[in-house]
Protein backbone atom coordinates (compact mmCIF):
# COMPACT_ATOMS: atom_id res chain seq x y z
CA MET A 1 -1.73 -54.29 0.08
CA LYS A 2 -4.02 -52.80 2.88
CA ARG A 3 -1.35 -52.79 5.39
CA ALA A 4 1.22 -51.09 3.09
CA ILE A 5 -1.23 -48.33 2.35
CA ILE A 6 -2.00 -47.85 6.10
CA LEU A 7 1.82 -47.95 6.75
CA ILE A 8 2.55 -45.28 4.02
CA GLY A 9 -0.15 -42.93 5.57
CA PHE A 10 0.97 -43.50 9.02
CA LEU A 11 4.52 -42.68 8.14
CA GLY A 12 3.41 -39.58 6.23
CA LEU A 13 1.86 -38.13 9.53
CA PHE A 14 5.31 -38.21 11.21
CA PHE A 15 7.58 -37.61 8.44
CA GLY A 16 5.38 -35.57 5.81
CA CYS A 17 4.73 -31.83 5.83
CA GLU A 18 5.71 -30.07 9.10
CA LYS A 19 2.59 -28.55 10.66
CA GLU A 20 3.05 -25.56 12.91
CA ASN A 21 1.88 -26.26 16.45
CA LEU A 22 -0.62 -23.35 16.66
CA PRO A 23 -3.62 -22.97 18.84
CA LYS A 24 -6.68 -24.74 17.28
CA ASP A 25 -8.63 -21.37 17.17
CA THR A 26 -5.88 -19.65 15.19
CA PRO A 27 -7.47 -18.42 11.95
CA LYS A 28 -6.47 -20.05 8.61
CA CYS A 29 -5.39 -16.77 7.13
CA ILE A 30 -3.17 -16.10 10.01
CA GLU A 31 -1.83 -19.86 9.78
CA ASN A 32 -1.09 -19.10 6.17
CA LYS A 33 0.82 -15.93 6.96
CA ILE A 34 2.87 -17.85 9.35
CA ASN A 35 3.47 -20.62 6.69
CA GLU A 36 4.80 -17.91 4.31
CA ILE A 37 7.25 -16.56 6.86
CA SER A 38 8.68 -19.85 7.67
CA LYS A 39 9.41 -20.70 4.12
CA GLY A 40 11.35 -17.47 3.61
CA ASP A 41 14.55 -16.27 5.04
CA VAL A 42 14.95 -15.90 8.98
CA TRP A 43 14.07 -12.46 10.17
CA ASN A 44 16.33 -10.53 12.43
CA PRO A 45 15.16 -10.60 15.10
CA PRO A 46 13.53 -13.98 14.39
CA ALA A 47 9.76 -13.78 13.68
CA LYS A 48 6.93 -14.11 16.47
CA VAL A 49 3.18 -13.80 16.32
CA TYR A 50 1.07 -12.92 19.47
CA ARG A 51 -2.50 -12.89 19.99
CA TYR A 52 -4.19 -10.38 22.02
CA LYS A 53 -7.72 -8.71 22.83
CA TYR A 54 -7.65 -5.20 21.64
CA ASN A 55 -10.70 -3.00 21.26
CA GLY A 56 -13.09 -5.76 22.06
CA GLN A 57 -11.76 -8.10 19.45
CA ILE A 58 -9.01 -10.88 19.12
CA VAL A 59 -6.07 -9.44 17.15
CA TYR A 60 -2.86 -10.92 15.77
CA TYR A 61 0.51 -8.88 16.15
CA PHE A 62 3.35 -9.42 13.96
CA PRO A 63 6.19 -7.44 15.53
CA PRO A 64 8.74 -5.31 13.43
CA ARG A 65 11.48 -7.19 11.67
CA CYS A 66 14.62 -5.58 11.16
CA CYS A 67 15.64 -1.74 10.60
CA ASP A 68 12.65 0.37 9.51
CA ILE A 69 10.01 -2.37 8.53
CA PRO A 70 6.87 -1.53 10.81
CA SER A 71 4.88 -4.26 12.76
CA THR A 72 1.57 -5.15 11.51
CA LEU A 73 -1.73 -5.74 13.47
CA TYR A 74 -4.34 -8.04 11.86
CA ASP A 75 -8.00 -8.84 12.90
CA GLU A 76 -9.21 -12.34 12.75
CA ASN A 77 -10.04 -12.06 9.08
CA CYS A 78 -6.58 -10.93 8.37
CA ASN A 79 -7.41 -7.37 7.58
CA ILE A 80 -4.82 -4.97 8.69
CA ILE A 81 -5.77 -2.92 11.36
CA CYS A 82 -2.54 -0.72 11.87
CA SER A 83 1.18 -0.69 12.36
CA PRO A 84 1.52 -0.13 16.14
CA ASP A 85 5.37 0.24 15.93
CA GLY A 86 8.45 0.19 13.72
CA GLY A 87 8.96 2.16 10.53
CA LEU A 88 11.07 5.10 10.06
CA THR A 89 10.08 6.83 13.33
CA GLY A 90 9.78 3.62 15.28
CA GLY A 91 6.16 4.78 16.17
CA GLY A 92 4.27 2.81 13.43
CA ASP A 93 1.63 4.41 11.31
CA GLY A 94 -0.11 6.31 14.44
CA LYS A 95 -3.44 4.63 13.65
CA CYS A 96 -3.55 2.72 16.89
CA SER A 97 -1.24 4.46 19.23
CA ASP A 98 -2.93 3.02 22.32
CA PHE A 99 -2.34 -0.49 21.24
CA PHE A 100 0.51 -1.11 23.76
CA ASP A 101 -1.48 0.37 26.75
CA SER A 102 -4.94 -1.16 25.87
CA ARG A 103 -4.10 -4.66 24.58
CA THR A 104 -4.90 -7.67 27.08
CA ASP A 105 -4.49 -11.41 27.22
CA GLU A 106 -1.20 -11.64 25.45
CA LYS A 107 -0.34 -15.18 24.21
CA LEU A 108 2.77 -16.02 22.06
CA ILE A 109 1.13 -18.30 19.46
CA TRP A 110 4.34 -18.92 17.30
CA GLU A 111 7.94 -18.31 17.11
CA ASP A 112 10.48 -19.03 14.35
CA THR A 113 13.15 -21.27 15.92
CA ARG A 114 15.19 -21.42 12.82
CA GLU A 115 18.71 -20.12 13.06
């Protein structure tokens, strides 16, 4: 009986819920947003999430998806900082117009590979 329980648990690790391969220091709230995206329709272009340093803090950038939908820049607590680009004008909400010039340490932490 003990072996059966261990075997079931072991198989669950390999065939159970698919866990995104994110950096260990990714905040849970960002991980939750990524999980929400991966449960929905595939974006065009496919969704990506980048981590940067910006204004002395770690931030997470979700690029614009399709058409006139703006990007979103989050802090580590999932508070929205701004929309750096996208939207009707393509220039975001104007609240962080220096983002693309000031950001550093770019790291792609997730990309939707579904088709």
